[in-house]
């Protein structure tokens, strides 16, 4: 299995261009890093953080506070190829992950934003997208997700069949 770690790809923006809806604030980002650092330490789970290009120059400073996380400026495609799952609040990396057939965990510990309609209590064991707003459930899911062999990406990714894709789009706009 080439899947080695969980990838956290936050969408942190500079204060001067922040939008409050759909974008993780700096404080949410920092809290998420603290929680992931704790999970990495306590559960011995490898987590790599891929910072948004707007803030990647801060990696050296941020690393000092989170000794149990790894930080990378490697291209997202390469990181996804070895990821068990992507953890993100809201980022274009979500679409990249789904198109790369990497499951996504929507990490919303403040219960502020849910861009995909999915239940936190979904009983479907092979979902491609999970919504988590609780640290304990996150740990449980991270352990469970490593055992799943095949995910259902069909709800989130268009097929390679153009006619089917066109029909799906028409159904959405009806």
Foldseek 3Di string as FASTA:
>chain_A
DLAAAEEEEAQEADPVDDDPAQHQYPVNVLVVLVLVLVCCVPVVGAYEYAYDPRCPVCVVVVCVVRVSYHYDPPDLLVVLVRHLAYEYQHDVSCVVNLVVQHAYENEAQVPRHDPDDDDQPDPDLAASYHYDNDSVSVSVCVVSSSPDDHHDSPVPDPDPDPVVVVVVVVVVVD
